[in-house]
Protein backbone atom coordinates (compact mmCIF):
# COMPACT_ATOMS: atom_id res chain seq x y z
CA LEU A 1 -6.90 -51.10 -73.15
CA ILE A 2 -10.51 -52.46 -72.34
CA THR A 3 -11.99 -51.64 -75.76
CA TYR A 4 -14.12 -55.09 -77.03
CA LEU A 5 -13.12 -56.60 -73.86
CA TYR A 6 -15.22 -59.55 -75.17
CA ASN A 7 -12.91 -59.62 -77.74
CA ILE A 8 -9.97 -60.05 -76.83
CA GLU A 9 -11.17 -62.62 -74.43
CA ASN A 10 -12.67 -64.88 -76.46
CA GLY A 11 -9.78 -64.66 -78.98
CA LEU A 12 -7.12 -65.73 -75.66
CA ILE A 13 -9.32 -68.83 -74.79
CA ALA A 14 -9.91 -69.40 -78.45
CA LYS A 15 -6.08 -69.55 -79.64
CA ASP A 16 -5.05 -71.11 -76.20
CA ILE A 17 -7.03 -73.90 -76.80
CA SER A 18 -6.17 -74.18 -80.54
CA ASN A 19 -2.16 -73.92 -79.85
CA ALA A 20 -2.86 -76.63 -77.22
CA HIS A 21 -4.96 -78.92 -79.89
CA LYS A 22 -2.17 -78.26 -82.58
CA ARG A 23 1.02 -77.89 -80.61
CA ARG A 24 1.69 -74.40 -81.51
CA PRO A 25 4.34 -72.10 -79.94
CA GLU A 26 2.30 -69.69 -77.79
CA MET A 27 3.23 -66.28 -79.52
CA SER A 28 0.53 -64.14 -76.97
CA LEU A 29 2.69 -61.11 -75.18
CA ALA A 30 1.53 -59.18 -71.54
CA TYR A 31 4.23 -56.27 -70.45
CA ARG A 32 3.95 -55.64 -66.81
CA ASP A 33 5.20 -52.09 -65.11
CA GLU A 34 8.02 -52.92 -62.80
CA ARG A 35 4.79 -53.14 -59.87
CA GLY A 36 3.50 -56.55 -62.31
CA ASN A 37 0.74 -53.98 -63.47
CA VAL A 38 -0.44 -54.90 -67.18
CA ARG A 39 0.97 -52.02 -69.46
CA GLY A 40 0.51 -53.68 -72.69
CA TYR A 41 -0.36 -56.58 -74.47
CA MET A 42 -0.24 -58.35 -78.10
CA LEU A 43 -2.60 -60.96 -79.11
CA ALA A 44 -0.94 -63.39 -81.85
CA TYR A 45 -1.23 -66.50 -83.15
CA GLU A 46 -0.81 -69.05 -85.41
CA GLY A 47 -3.06 -69.36 -88.16
CA VAL A 48 -4.22 -68.91 -92.06
CA ASP A 49 -4.40 -65.42 -93.57
CA GLU A 50 -8.08 -64.84 -95.33
CA GLY A 51 -6.92 -66.28 -98.76
CA GLY A 52 -5.43 -69.36 -96.65
CA GLU A 53 -2.03 -69.10 -95.90
CA ARG A 54 -0.28 -69.98 -92.98
CA CYS A 55 1.13 -67.61 -91.07
CA VAL A 56 1.64 -65.93 -87.49
CA TYR A 57 -1.67 -63.20 -87.29
CA ILE A 58 -1.20 -60.31 -85.05
CA SER A 59 -4.79 -59.57 -83.83
CA ASP A 60 -4.37 -57.35 -81.36
CA ILE A 61 -1.63 -54.75 -80.15
CA ALA A 62 -2.29 -52.15 -77.29
CA SER A 63 -0.85 -49.95 -74.54
CA ASP A 64 -1.72 -47.38 -73.05
CA ARG A 65 -0.35 -44.24 -72.60
CA GLU A 66 1.18 -43.58 -69.54
CA SER A 67 3.79 -46.33 -70.65
CA ARG A 68 5.76 -45.36 -73.88
CA MET A 69 8.12 -48.27 -74.00
CA ALA A 70 5.66 -50.52 -74.02
CA GLY A 71 5.07 -50.89 -77.72
CA GLY A 72 8.40 -51.00 -78.55
CA ARG A 73 9.16 -53.74 -76.06
CA LEU A 74 6.24 -56.21 -77.29
CA ILE A 75 7.72 -56.05 -80.98
CA ALA A 76 10.97 -56.84 -80.05
CA GLU A 77 9.61 -59.70 -77.88
CA PHE A 78 7.72 -60.75 -80.44
CA VAL A 79 10.74 -60.61 -82.92
CA ARG A 80 12.51 -62.59 -80.36
CA ARG A 81 9.99 -65.09 -80.53
CA TYR A 82 9.15 -65.20 -83.85
CA LYS A 83 13.04 -65.93 -84.63
CA GLU A 84 12.93 -68.68 -82.11
CA ARG A 85 9.71 -70.83 -82.81
CA TYR A 86 9.49 -70.49 -86.36
CA LEU A 87 13.34 -68.42 -88.24
CA ASP A 88 15.47 -70.86 -85.78
CA LYS A 89 13.66 -73.93 -87.05
CA GLY A 90 13.89 -72.73 -90.83
CA ASP A 91 9.80 -72.47 -90.79
CA ALA A 92 10.21 -68.96 -92.51
CA ILE A 93 5.93 -68.62 -92.71
CA PRO A 94 4.98 -65.23 -93.04
CA VAL A 95 3.66 -62.29 -90.41
CA PHE A 96 0.03 -60.82 -91.50
CA ALA A 97 -1.24 -57.75 -89.71
CA GLN A 98 -3.98 -55.54 -89.90
CA ALA A 99 -1.43 -52.34 -88.65
CA ARG A 100 -3.20 -49.06 -87.52
CA GLU A 101 -1.76 -45.95 -89.74
CA THR A 102 -1.10 -44.04 -86.55
CA THR A 103 0.49 -46.61 -84.23
CA SER A 104 1.52 -49.97 -85.42
CA TYR A 105 1.76 -49.26 -88.46
CA ARG A 106 4.84 -46.23 -87.91
CA ILE A 107 6.37 -48.48 -85.90
CA ILE A 108 6.69 -51.68 -88.29
CA GLN A 109 8.32 -48.87 -91.02
CA ARG A 110 10.56 -47.79 -88.69
CA GLN A 111 11.88 -50.82 -86.96
CA LEU A 112 11.97 -52.74 -89.68
CA ASP A 113 15.13 -52.77 -91.21
CA ARG A 114 16.42 -52.54 -88.06
CA ILE A 115 14.78 -55.76 -86.96
CA ALA A 116 16.47 -57.51 -90.28
CA THR A 117 19.65 -55.84 -89.53
CA GLU A 118 19.65 -58.00 -86.19
CA LEU A 119 18.41 -61.49 -87.50
CA GLY A 120 20.72 -61.18 -90.65
CA MET A 121 17.61 -61.39 -92.64
CA ARG A 122 15.57 -58.79 -95.07
CA PHE A 123 11.51 -58.77 -94.99
CA GLU A 124 9.86 -57.83 -97.47
CA ILE A 125 5.81 -55.91 -96.90
CA GLU A 126 2.75 -57.12 -99.39
CA GLU A 127 0.03 -54.98 -98.48
CA ASP A 128 -3.90 -55.14 -98.84
CA GLU A 129 -6.19 -52.18 -100.13
CA SER A 130 -5.69 -49.93 -96.82
CA TYR A 131 -9.86 -49.19 -95.27
CA LYS A 132 -10.81 -47.41 -92.98
CA ALA A 133 -12.07 -47.99 -89.46
CA GLY A 134 -14.04 -44.81 -87.65
CA THR A 135 -11.36 -42.42 -87.91
CA ASP A 136 -8.40 -44.90 -88.39
CA THR A 137 -6.33 -46.45 -91.67
CA ILE A 138 -5.73 -49.78 -91.44
CA HIS A 139 -2.72 -51.62 -93.57
CA PRO A 140 -3.44 -55.19 -93.76
CA ILE A 141 -0.04 -56.21 -94.22
CA HIS A 142 1.92 -59.34 -95.06
CA ILE A 143 6.01 -59.71 -93.97
CA ARG A 144 7.70 -62.32 -95.43
CA PRO A 145 10.93 -63.11 -94.17
CA ARG A 146 13.84 -63.60 -96.55
CA HIS A 147 16.93 -64.97 -96.17
CA THR A 148 20.02 -62.60 -97.55
CA SER A 149 22.83 -63.53 -100.10
């Protein structure tokens, strides 16, 4: 959880300042175990993607290997907040993430249909060209909510 800690710290400060200045909802999360220890986090905020489109950007998701539930719980809480703070207000902006193939990309692929059913929506995934980051493959994806007819 401490890889590139300075980037995470700077990202947290920047998104807090931007959220306060632009009156945007808080979308970042921390998952704590029963003793209150942080076992995972998600850094997410409203912004614009590389093409200038407004989106909720998931900058980073991480959890330790000892807490198998952290990732799923972070995603579930993110979805709840996204629905409450955007979809319920008629603001169906996309979610953008650069998903790591071995972790978040697989979770998104497995969980998206279930989440869509729970929300009474459907989602379309638009994927840009994947790329390598070290030994990992990264998939830049836009998840676009669509109302079911």
